[in-house]
Amino acid sequence: MTVQLITIALAPAIALIWFFQARATPHLPEGRIGPWLIAVLFLLGFVSGLVALTLNHSLERYTVLWSGAADPTHRMLYWVFGIGLNEEFAKMLMLLLALFPRRDFIHPYQGLMGAAAVALGFAAIENLFYLERYGTVTLLFRSVLTVPAHAFFTAPLGVAMAYSKRARGLAGKYLWLVGALAFGMMAHGVYDVWLSLDSEWLNRMAYVHVVALGLFVLWLMRQRFPGLQAGGEGALPAPYPAPPQPKAAHPPSTGRSGPLP
């Protein structure tokens, strides 16, 4: 595998990280999610790919769920509760380890950006595997469809993590995390189901699926998340400290009570 091919495999993911960073930065306080953290999360996406590979291999070896199962129900369950759940859980695990515990993780945009970075790191290492096995043509197809799809599967999880961190009570925290994981699992699994069907027209539904998810993520990036603004119940800290208010000027005392003449 040459340096040029490795660059081609990584370039789509890096370009999308730049896009997400450019869109999210205006909404974030300066220094809250810097390039070093983005780089760490991107590399952890590589690790999540290896974790998911291990989980997927175990599922195929020890259960009846695999892509070539004779029973179509088993194949569907494999794509949704196998590939979808394993891969989204692996990404979520990296976010829980590296982003969620940070004291400066307070805003949904930070979660969205961090989740996209992990997902794109996952897509990049997956690209390298596919390049080695299937060649450049498959890599080009994946660059257009599958690489952004991974970001769209996982970005909502980052938003949910910000809400989870501020939720009151353990049940509320887990509800946000489990709900977001279920969303990512279904979004990912249904995408794989479309591609696995023996119909060119149904395969094309994968494009519609990714476009719909992309529009949803773009909608999220335009939100102000009013439920997490400072001042309300469960509010996040304000992005910038409020400037001190000047004291009201008082007229000089005349020693008299009542209105001045």
C-alpha atoms as a PDB file:
ATOM      1  CA  MET A   1       0.000   0.000   0.000  1.00  0.00           C
ATOM      2  CA  THR A   2       1.626   3.246  -1.162  1.00  0.00           C
ATOM      3  CA  VAL A   3       1.658   6.585   0.591  1.00  0.00           C
ATOM      4  CA  GLN A   4      -0.537   8.015  -2.158  1.00  0.00           C
ATOM      5  CA  LEU A   5      -3.240   5.384  -1.591  1.00  0.00           C
ATOM      6  CA  ILE A   6      -3.117   5.880   2.171  1.00  0.00           C
ATOM      7  CA  THR A   7      -3.548   9.612   1.606  1.00  0.00           C
ATOM      8  CA  ILE A   8      -6.548   8.970  -0.639  1.00  0.00           C
ATOM      9  CA  ALA A   9      -8.054   6.723   2.048  1.00  0.00           C
ATOM     10  CA  LEU A  10      -7.622   9.334   4.803  1.00  0.00           C
ATOM     11  CA  ALA A  11      -8.375  12.517   2.843  1.00  0.00           C
ATOM     12  CA  PRO A  12     -12.218  12.311   2.824  1.00  0.00           C
ATOM     13  CA  ALA A  13     -12.363  11.892   6.602  1.00  0.00           C
ATOM     14  CA  ILE A  14      -9.927  14.762   7.216  1.00  0.00           C
ATOM     15  CA  ALA A  15     -11.868  17.022   4.837  1.00  0.00           C
ATOM     16  CA  LEU A  16     -15.116  16.304   6.674  1.00  0.00           C
ATOM     17  CA  ILE A  17     -13.479  17.006  10.032  1.00  0.00           C
ATOM     18  CA  TRP A  18     -12.463  20.417   8.681  1.00  0.00           C
ATOM     19  CA  PHE A  19     -16.075  20.994   7.577  1.00  0.00           C
ATOM     20  CA  PHE A  20     -17.523  20.091  10.981  1.00  0.00           C
ATOM     21  CA  GLN A  21     -14.899  22.167  12.781  1.00  0.00           C
ATOM     22  CA  ALA A  22     -15.580  25.191  10.567  1.00  0.00           C
ATOM     23  CA  ARG A  23     -19.325  24.906  11.175  1.00  0.00           C
ATOM     24  CA  ALA A  24     -19.090  24.324  14.922  1.00  0.00           C
ATOM     25  CA  THR A  25     -16.318  26.770  15.877  1.00  0.00           C
ATOM     26  CA  PRO A  26     -18.473  29.946  15.738  1.00  0.00           C
ATOM     27  CA  HIS A  27     -20.745  28.427  18.393  1.00  0.00           C
ATOM     28  CA  LEU A  28     -17.975  27.388  20.778  1.00  0.00           C
ATOM     29  CA  PRO A  29     -16.004  29.397  23.296  1.00  0.00           C
ATOM     30  CA  GLU A  30     -12.407  29.865  22.253  1.00  0.00           C
ATOM     31  CA  GLY A  31     -10.215  26.910  23.166  1.00  0.00           C
ATOM     32  CA  ARG A  32     -13.058  24.640  24.265  1.00  0.00           C
ATOM     33  CA  ILE A  33     -12.327  21.998  21.590  1.00  0.00           C
ATOM     34  CA  GLY A  34      -8.921  22.496  20.050  1.00  0.00           C
ATOM     35  CA  PRO A  35      -7.039  20.718  17.292  1.00  0.00           C
ATOM     36  CA  TRP A  36      -5.158  18.472  19.717  1.00  0.00           C
ATOM     37  CA  LEU A  37      -8.353  17.071  21.168  1.00  0.00           C
ATOM     38  CA  ILE A  38      -9.780  16.612  17.666  1.00  0.00           C
ATOM     39  CA  ALA A  39      -6.620  14.723  16.676  1.00  0.00           C
ATOM     40  CA  VAL A  40      -6.827  12.482  19.747  1.00  0.00           C
ATOM     41  CA  LEU A  41     -10.484  11.684  19.081  1.00  0.00           C
ATOM     42  CA  PHE A  42      -9.726  10.979  15.421  1.00  0.00           C
ATOM     43  CA  LEU A  43      -7.008   8.501  16.435  1.00  0.00           C
ATOM     44  CA  LEU A  44      -9.362   6.937  18.971  1.00  0.00           C
ATOM     45  CA  GLY A  45     -11.681   6.382  16.036  1.00  0.00           C
ATOM     46  CA  PHE A  46      -8.983   4.043  14.691  1.00  0.00           C
ATOM     47  CA  VAL A  47      -9.078   2.190  18.011  1.00  0.00           C
ATOM     48  CA  SER A  48     -12.871   1.973  17.871  1.00  0.00           C
ATOM     49  CA  GLY A  49     -12.544   0.328  14.459  1.00  0.00           C
ATOM     50  CA  LEU A  50     -10.384  -2.419  15.955  1.00  0.00           C
ATOM     51  CA  VAL A  51     -12.815  -2.851  18.872  1.00  0.00           C
ATOM     52  CA  ALA A  52     -15.741  -3.178  16.458  1.00  0.00           C
ATOM     53  CA  LEU A  53     -13.800  -5.649  14.320  1.00  0.00           C
ATOM     54  CA  THR A  54     -13.294  -7.861  17.369  1.00  0.00           C
ATOM     55  CA  LEU A  55     -16.961  -7.621  18.368  1.00  0.00           C
ATOM     56  CA  ASN A  56     -18.160  -8.379  14.838  1.00  0.00           C
ATOM     57  CA  HIS A  57     -15.849 -11.383  14.547  1.00  0.00           C
ATOM     58  CA  SER A  58     -17.097 -12.744  17.888  1.00  0.00           C
ATOM     59  CA  LEU A  59     -20.704 -12.282  16.813  1.00  0.00           C
ATOM     60  CA  GLU A  60     -20.152 -14.211  13.579  1.00  0.00           C
ATOM     61  CA  ARG A  61     -18.261 -16.978  15.335  1.00  0.00           C
ATOM     62  CA  TYR A  62     -20.487 -17.608  18.337  1.00  0.00           C
ATOM     63  CA  THR A  63     -23.992 -16.792  17.052  1.00  0.00           C
ATOM     64  CA  VAL A  64     -26.153 -17.577  14.032  1.00  0.00           C
ATOM     65  CA  LEU A  65     -26.008 -13.946  12.923  1.00  0.00           C
ATOM     66  CA  TRP A  66     -23.783 -13.234   9.957  1.00  0.00           C
ATOM     67  CA  SER A  67     -24.062 -11.655   6.498  1.00  0.00           C
ATOM     68  CA  GLY A  68     -24.333 -15.005   4.694  1.00  0.00           C
ATOM     69  CA  ALA A  69     -26.924 -16.611   6.975  1.00  0.00           C
ATOM     70  CA  ALA A  70     -29.561 -18.701   5.167  1.00  0.00           C
ATOM     71  CA  ASP A  71     -32.391 -17.170   7.189  1.00  0.00           C
ATOM     72  CA  PRO A  72     -33.064 -13.585   5.989  1.00  0.00           C
ATOM     73  CA  THR A  73     -34.181 -12.642   9.496  1.00  0.00           C
ATOM     74  CA  HIS A  74     -30.757 -13.569  10.824  1.00  0.00           C
ATOM     75  CA  ARG A  75     -29.147 -11.439   8.130  1.00  0.00           C
ATOM     76  CA  MET A  76     -31.299  -8.431   9.025  1.00  0.00           C
ATOM     77  CA  LEU A  77     -30.571  -8.846  12.720  1.00  0.00           C
ATOM     78  CA  TYR A  78     -26.879  -9.116  11.917  1.00  0.00           C
ATOM     79  CA  TRP A  79     -26.837  -5.765  10.108  1.00  0.00           C
ATOM     80  CA  VAL A  80     -28.835  -3.930  12.782  1.00  0.00           C
ATOM     81  CA  PHE A  81     -28.009  -5.590  16.123  1.00  0.00           C
ATOM     82  CA  GLY A  82     -24.627  -6.863  14.994  1.00  0.00           C
ATOM     83  CA  ILE A  83     -22.837  -4.357  12.791  1.00  0.00           C
ATOM     84  CA  GLY A  84     -24.960  -1.352  13.739  1.00  0.00           C
ATOM     85  CA  LEU A  85     -24.824  -1.904  17.490  1.00  0.00           C
ATOM     86  CA  ASN A  86     -21.202  -3.074  17.683  1.00  0.00           C
ATOM     87  CA  GLU A  87     -19.750  -0.245  15.629  1.00  0.00           C
ATOM     88  CA  GLU A  88     -21.777   2.535  17.245  1.00  0.00           C
ATOM     89  CA  PHE A  89     -21.036   1.138  20.706  1.00  0.00           C
ATOM     90  CA  ALA A  90     -17.305   1.109  19.907  1.00  0.00           C
ATOM     91  CA  LYS A  91     -17.437   4.780  18.897  1.00  0.00           C
ATOM     92  CA  MET A  92     -19.496   5.648  21.974  1.00  0.00           C
ATOM     93  CA  LEU A  93     -16.943   3.916  24.187  1.00  0.00           C
ATOM     94  CA  MET A  94     -14.148   6.174  22.891  1.00  0.00           C
ATOM     95  CA  LEU A  95     -16.260   9.265  23.560  1.00  0.00           C
ATOM     96  CA  LEU A  96     -17.065   8.096  27.088  1.00  0.00           C
ATOM     97  CA  LEU A  97     -13.355   7.579  27.744  1.00  0.00           C
ATOM     98  CA  ALA A  98     -11.923  10.745  26.207  1.00  0.00           C
ATOM     99  CA  LEU A  99     -14.606  13.435  25.945  1.00  0.00           C
ATOM    100  CA  PHE A 100     -17.422  12.821  28.421  1.00  0.00           C
ATOM    101  CA  PRO A 101     -15.285  13.095  31.627  1.00  0.00           C
ATOM    102  CA  ARG A 102     -13.725  16.430  30.637  1.00  0.00           C
ATOM    103  CA  ARG A 103     -14.803  19.322  32.842  1.00  0.00           C
ATOM    104  CA  ASP A 104     -14.832  21.676  29.852  1.00  0.00           C
ATOM    105  CA  PHE A 105     -17.251  19.447  27.938  1.00  0.00           C
ATOM    106  CA  ILE A 106     -20.402  21.493  28.447  1.00  0.00           C
ATOM    107  CA  HIS A 107     -21.918  22.258  25.051  1.00  0.00           C
ATOM    108  CA  PRO A 108     -23.753  20.103  22.479  1.00  0.00           C
ATOM    109  CA  TYR A 109     -21.553  21.454  19.684  1.00  0.00           C
ATOM    110  CA  GLN A 110     -18.513  20.050  21.466  1.00  0.00           C
ATOM    111  CA  GLY A 111     -20.212  16.672  21.572  1.00  0.00           C
ATOM    112  CA  LEU A 112     -21.239  16.866  17.931  1.00  0.00           C
ATOM    113  CA  MET A 113     -17.720  17.785  16.838  1.00  0.00           C
ATOM    114  CA  GLY A 114     -16.103  15.129  19.036  1.00  0.00           C
ATOM    115  CA  ALA A 115     -18.499  12.409  17.870  1.00  0.00           C
ATOM    116  CA  ALA A 116     -17.876  13.337  14.237  1.00  0.00           C
ATOM    117  CA  ALA A 117     -14.104  13.147  14.787  1.00  0.00           C
ATOM    118  CA  VAL A 118     -14.310   9.645  16.301  1.00  0.00           C
ATOM    119  CA  ALA A 119     -16.697   8.458  13.591  1.00  0.00           C
ATOM    120  CA  LEU A 120     -14.466   9.790  10.821  1.00  0.00           C
ATOM    121  CA  GLY A 121     -11.433   8.157  12.390  1.00  0.00           C
ATOM    122  CA  PHE A 122     -13.404   4.916  12.347  1.00  0.00           C
ATOM    123  CA  ALA A 123     -14.317   5.473   8.678  1.00  0.00           C
ATOM    124  CA  ALA A 124     -10.681   6.227   7.816  1.00  0.00           C
ATOM    125  CA  ILE A 125      -9.310   2.980   9.284  1.00  0.00           C
ATOM    126  CA  GLU A 126     -12.174   1.093   7.654  1.00  0.00           C
ATOM    127  CA  ASN A 127     -11.179   2.714   4.345  1.00  0.00           C
ATOM    128  CA  LEU A 128      -7.682   1.287   4.723  1.00  0.00           C
ATOM    129  CA  PHE A 129      -9.094  -2.213   5.229  1.00  0.00           C
ATOM    130  CA  TYR A 130     -11.348  -1.898   2.190  1.00  0.00           C
ATOM    131  CA  LEU A 131      -8.544  -0.454   0.066  1.00  0.00           C
ATOM    132  CA  GLU A 132      -6.338  -3.438   0.874  1.00  0.00           C
ATOM    133  CA  ARG A 133      -9.085  -5.957   0.127  1.00  0.00           C
ATOM    134  CA  TYR A 134     -11.194  -4.433  -2.655  1.00  0.00           C
ATOM    135  CA  GLY A 135      -9.098  -1.770  -4.346  1.00  0.00           C
ATOM    136  CA  THR A 136      -9.436   1.866  -5.341  1.00  0.00           C
ATOM    137  CA  VAL A 137     -12.870   1.722  -6.999  1.00  0.00           C
ATOM    138  CA  THR A 138     -14.527   0.574  -3.781  1.00  0.00           C
ATOM    139  CA  LEU A 139     -12.580   3.229  -1.877  1.00  0.00           C
ATOM    140  CA  LEU A 140     -13.928   5.979  -4.135  1.00  0.00           C
ATOM    141  CA  PHE A 141     -17.502   4.742  -3.613  1.00  0.00           C
ATOM    142  CA  ARG A 142     -16.990   4.688   0.143  1.00  0.00           C
ATOM    143  CA  SER A 143     -15.509   8.198   0.109  1.00  0.00           C
ATOM    144  CA  VAL A 144     -18.701   9.592  -1.407  1.00  0.00           C
ATOM    145  CA  LEU A 145     -21.229   7.633   0.641  1.00  0.00           C
ATOM    146  CA  THR A 146     -19.936   5.659   3.598  1.00  0.00           C
ATOM    147  CA  VAL A 147     -17.428   8.104   5.099  1.00  0.00           C
ATOM    148  CA  PRO A 148     -19.981  10.914   5.613  1.00  0.00           C
ATOM    149  CA  ALA A 149     -22.558   8.317   6.625  1.00  0.00           C
ATOM    150  CA  HIS A 150     -20.429   7.291   9.611  1.00  0.00           C
ATOM    151  CA  ALA A 151     -20.288  10.905  10.783  1.00  0.00           C
ATOM    152  CA  PHE A 152     -24.056  11.250  10.412  1.00  0.00           C
ATOM    153  CA  PHE A 153     -24.705   8.011  12.340  1.00  0.00           C
ATOM    154  CA  THR A 154     -22.706   9.184  15.350  1.00  0.00           C
ATOM    155  CA  ALA A 155     -22.925  12.998  15.501  1.00  0.00           C
ATOM    156  CA  PRO A 156     -26.332  13.008  17.286  1.00  0.00           C
ATOM    157  CA  LEU A 157     -24.764  10.861  20.014  1.00  0.00           C
ATOM    158  CA  GLY A 158     -22.378  13.700  20.842  1.00  0.00           C
ATOM    159  CA  VAL A 159     -25.287  16.117  21.245  1.00  0.00           C
ATOM    160  CA  ALA A 160     -27.073  13.631  23.505  1.00  0.00           C
ATOM    161  CA  MET A 161     -23.928  13.279  25.632  1.00  0.00           C
ATOM    162  CA  ALA A 162     -24.051  16.969  26.510  1.00  0.00           C
ATOM    163  CA  TYR A 163     -27.650  16.572  27.680  1.00  0.00           C
ATOM    164  CA  SER A 164     -26.724  13.387  29.527  1.00  0.00           C
ATOM    165  CA  LYS A 165     -23.945  15.140  31.399  1.00  0.00           C
ATOM    166  CA  ARG A 166     -26.330  17.809  32.642  1.00  0.00           C
ATOM    167  CA  ALA A 167     -29.252  15.488  33.365  1.00  0.00           C
ATOM    168  CA  ARG A 168     -30.459  15.311  36.954  1.00  0.00           C
ATOM    169  CA  GLY A 169     -30.301  11.777  38.270  1.00  0.00           C
ATOM    170  CA  LEU A 170     -28.663   8.618  37.012  1.00  0.00           C
ATOM    171  CA  ALA A 171     -31.751   7.462  35.122  1.00  0.00           C
ATOM    172  CA  GLY A 172     -31.813  10.638  33.059  1.00  0.00           C
ATOM    173  CA  LYS A 173     -28.140  10.316  32.182  1.00  0.00           C
ATOM    174  CA  TYR A 174     -28.536   6.718  31.003  1.00  0.00           C
ATOM    175  CA  LEU A 175     -31.718   7.533  29.111  1.00  0.00           C
ATOM    176  CA  TRP A 176     -29.920  10.072  26.917  1.00  0.00           C
ATOM    177  CA  LEU A 177     -27.005   7.711  26.270  1.00  0.00           C
ATOM    178  CA  VAL A 178     -29.067   4.605  25.553  1.00  0.00           C
ATOM    179  CA  GLY A 179     -31.504   6.526  23.381  1.00  0.00           C
ATOM    180  CA  ALA A 180     -28.705   8.037  21.305  1.00  0.00           C
ATOM    181  CA  LEU A 181     -27.007   4.654  20.950  1.00  0.00           C
ATOM    182  CA  ALA A 182     -30.301   3.137  19.775  1.00  0.00           C
ATOM    183  CA  PHE A 183     -30.678   5.925  17.203  1.00  0.00           C
ATOM    184  CA  GLY A 184     -27.154   5.362  15.889  1.00  0.00           C
ATOM    185  CA  MET A 185     -27.655   1.603  15.801  1.00  0.00           C
ATOM    186  CA  MET A 186     -30.848   1.884  13.764  1.00  0.00           C
ATOM    187  CA  ALA A 187     -29.457   4.548  11.424  1.00  0.00           C
ATOM    188  CA  HIS A 188     -26.356   2.449  10.789  1.00  0.00           C
ATOM    189  CA  GLY A 189     -28.130  -0.886  10.587  1.00  0.00           C
ATOM    190  CA  VAL A 190     -30.834   0.257   8.165  1.00  0.00           C
ATOM    191  CA  TYR A 191     -28.159   1.740   5.906  1.00  0.00           C
ATOM    192  CA  ASP A 192     -26.378  -1.633   5.796  1.00  0.00           C
ATOM    193  CA  VAL A 193     -29.676  -3.410   5.128  1.00  0.00           C
ATOM    194  CA  TRP A 194     -30.321  -1.226   2.062  1.00  0.00           C
ATOM    195  CA  LEU A 195     -26.897  -2.081   0.678  1.00  0.00           C
ATOM    196  CA  SER A 196     -27.290  -5.812   1.375  1.00  0.00           C
ATOM    197  CA  LEU A 197     -30.525  -6.284  -0.590  1.00  0.00           C
ATOM    198  CA  ASP A 198     -30.471  -7.946  -4.023  1.00  0.00           C
ATOM    199  CA  SER A 199     -32.075  -5.037  -5.830  1.00  0.00           C
ATOM    200  CA  GLU A 200     -30.368  -2.104  -7.493  1.00  0.00           C
ATOM    201  CA  TRP A 201     -33.324   0.161  -6.766  1.00  0.00           C
ATOM    202  CA  LEU A 202     -33.371  -0.758  -3.087  1.00  0.00           C
ATOM    203  CA  ASN A 203     -29.596  -0.321  -2.917  1.00  0.00           C
ATOM    204  CA  ARG A 204     -30.119   3.260  -4.077  1.00  0.00           C
ATOM    205  CA  MET A 205     -32.236   3.878  -1.002  1.00  0.00           C
ATOM    206  CA  ALA A 206     -28.943   3.970   0.889  1.00  0.00           C
ATOM    207  CA  TYR A 207     -28.214   7.304  -0.821  1.00  0.00           C
ATOM    208  CA  VAL A 208     -31.598   8.679   0.236  1.00  0.00           C
ATOM    209  CA  HIS A 209     -30.954   7.387   3.746  1.00  0.00           C
ATOM    210  CA  VAL A 210     -27.590   9.169   4.008  1.00  0.00           C
ATOM    211  CA  VAL A 211     -28.951  12.418   2.558  1.00  0.00           C
ATOM    212  CA  ALA A 212     -31.810  12.400   5.090  1.00  0.00           C
ATOM    213  CA  LEU A 213     -29.388  11.809   7.969  1.00  0.00           C
ATOM    214  CA  GLY A 214     -27.098  14.532   6.639  1.00  0.00           C
ATOM    215  CA  LEU A 215     -29.955  17.030   6.559  1.00  0.00           C
ATOM    216  CA  PHE A 216     -30.831  16.092  10.138  1.00  0.00           C
ATOM    217  CA  VAL A 217     -27.241  16.673  11.291  1.00  0.00           C
ATOM    218  CA  LEU A 218     -27.096  20.004   9.442  1.00  0.00           C
ATOM    219  CA  TRP A 219     -30.336  20.944  11.206  1.00  0.00           C
ATOM    220  CA  LEU A 220     -28.741  20.067  14.549  1.00  0.00           C
ATOM    221  CA  MET A 221     -25.774  22.275  13.701  1.00  0.00           C
ATOM    222  CA  ARG A 222     -28.116  25.228  13.208  1.00  0.00           C
ATOM    223  CA  GLN A 223     -29.811  24.852  16.594  1.00  0.00           C
ATOM    224  CA  ARG A 224     -29.149  27.099  19.580  1.00  0.00           C
ATOM    225  CA  PHE A 225     -30.126  24.361  22.055  1.00  0.00           C
ATOM    226  CA  PRO A 226     -32.232  26.708  24.211  1.00  0.00           C
ATOM    227  CA  GLY A 227     -32.753  24.049  26.880  1.00  0.00           C
ATOM    228  CA  LEU A 228     -29.060  24.267  27.708  1.00  0.00           C
ATOM    229  CA  GLN A 229     -28.674  28.018  27.838  1.00  0.00           C
ATOM    230  CA  ALA A 230     -27.497  29.604  31.036  1.00  0.00           C
ATOM    231  CA  GLY A 231     -30.123  30.667  33.480  1.00  0.00           C
ATOM    232  CA  GLY A 232     -32.604  27.815  33.313  1.00  0.00           C
ATOM    233  CA  GLU A 233     -33.006  24.575  35.194  1.00  0.00           C
ATOM    234  CA  GLY A 234     -30.184  22.211  34.293  1.00  0.00           C
ATOM    235  CA  ALA A 235     -28.574  25.009  32.322  1.00  0.00           C
ATOM    236  CA  LEU A 236     -25.060  24.866  30.998  1.00  0.00           C
ATOM    237  CA  PRO A 237     -22.568  27.477  32.060  1.00  0.00           C
ATOM    238  CA  ALA A 238     -22.559  30.526  29.835  1.00  0.00           C
ATOM    239  CA  PRO A 239     -19.917  30.294  27.083  1.00  0.00           C
ATOM    240  CA  TYR A 240     -18.345  33.543  28.248  1.00  0.00           C
ATOM    241  CA  PRO A 241     -18.551  35.110  31.695  1.00  0.00           C
ATOM    242  CA  ALA A 242     -21.036  37.932  31.867  1.00  0.00           C
ATOM    243  CA  PRO A 243     -19.335  41.357  31.989  1.00  0.00           C
ATOM    244  CA  PRO A 244     -19.650  43.183  35.302  1.00  0.00           C
ATOM    245  CA  GLN A 245     -22.540  45.605  35.362  1.00  0.00           C
ATOM    246  CA  PRO A 246     -21.614  49.222  36.130  1.00  0.00           C
ATOM    247  CA  LYS A 247     -23.053  50.602  39.318  1.00  0.00           C
ATOM    248  CA  ALA A 248     -25.845  53.098  38.926  1.00  0.00           C
ATOM    249  CA  ALA A 249     -24.765  56.690  39.429  1.00  0.00           C
ATOM    250  CA  HIS A 250     -26.277  58.447  42.444  1.00  0.00           C
ATOM    251  CA  PRO A 251     -26.723  62.235  42.780  1.00  0.00           C
ATOM    252  CA  PRO A 252     -24.637  63.860  45.466  1.00  0.00           C
ATOM    253  CA  SER A 253     -26.245  63.949  48.868  1.00  0.00           C
ATOM    254  CA  THR A 254     -27.638  67.328  50.015  1.00  0.00           C
ATOM    255  CA  GLY A 255     -28.369  66.304  53.534  1.00  0.00           C
ATOM    256  CA  ARG A 256     -32.084  66.694  52.860  1.00  0.00           C
ATOM    257  CA  SER A 257     -34.777  64.055  52.566  1.00  0.00           C
ATOM    258  CA  GLY A 258     -37.305  64.109  49.803  1.00  0.00           C
ATOM    259  CA  PRO A 259     -37.005  65.340  46.249  1.00  0.00           C
ATOM    260  CA  LEU A 260     -34.519  67.999  45.274  1.00  0.00           C
ATOM    261  CA  PRO A 261     -35.938  71.421  44.483  1.00  0.00           C
END
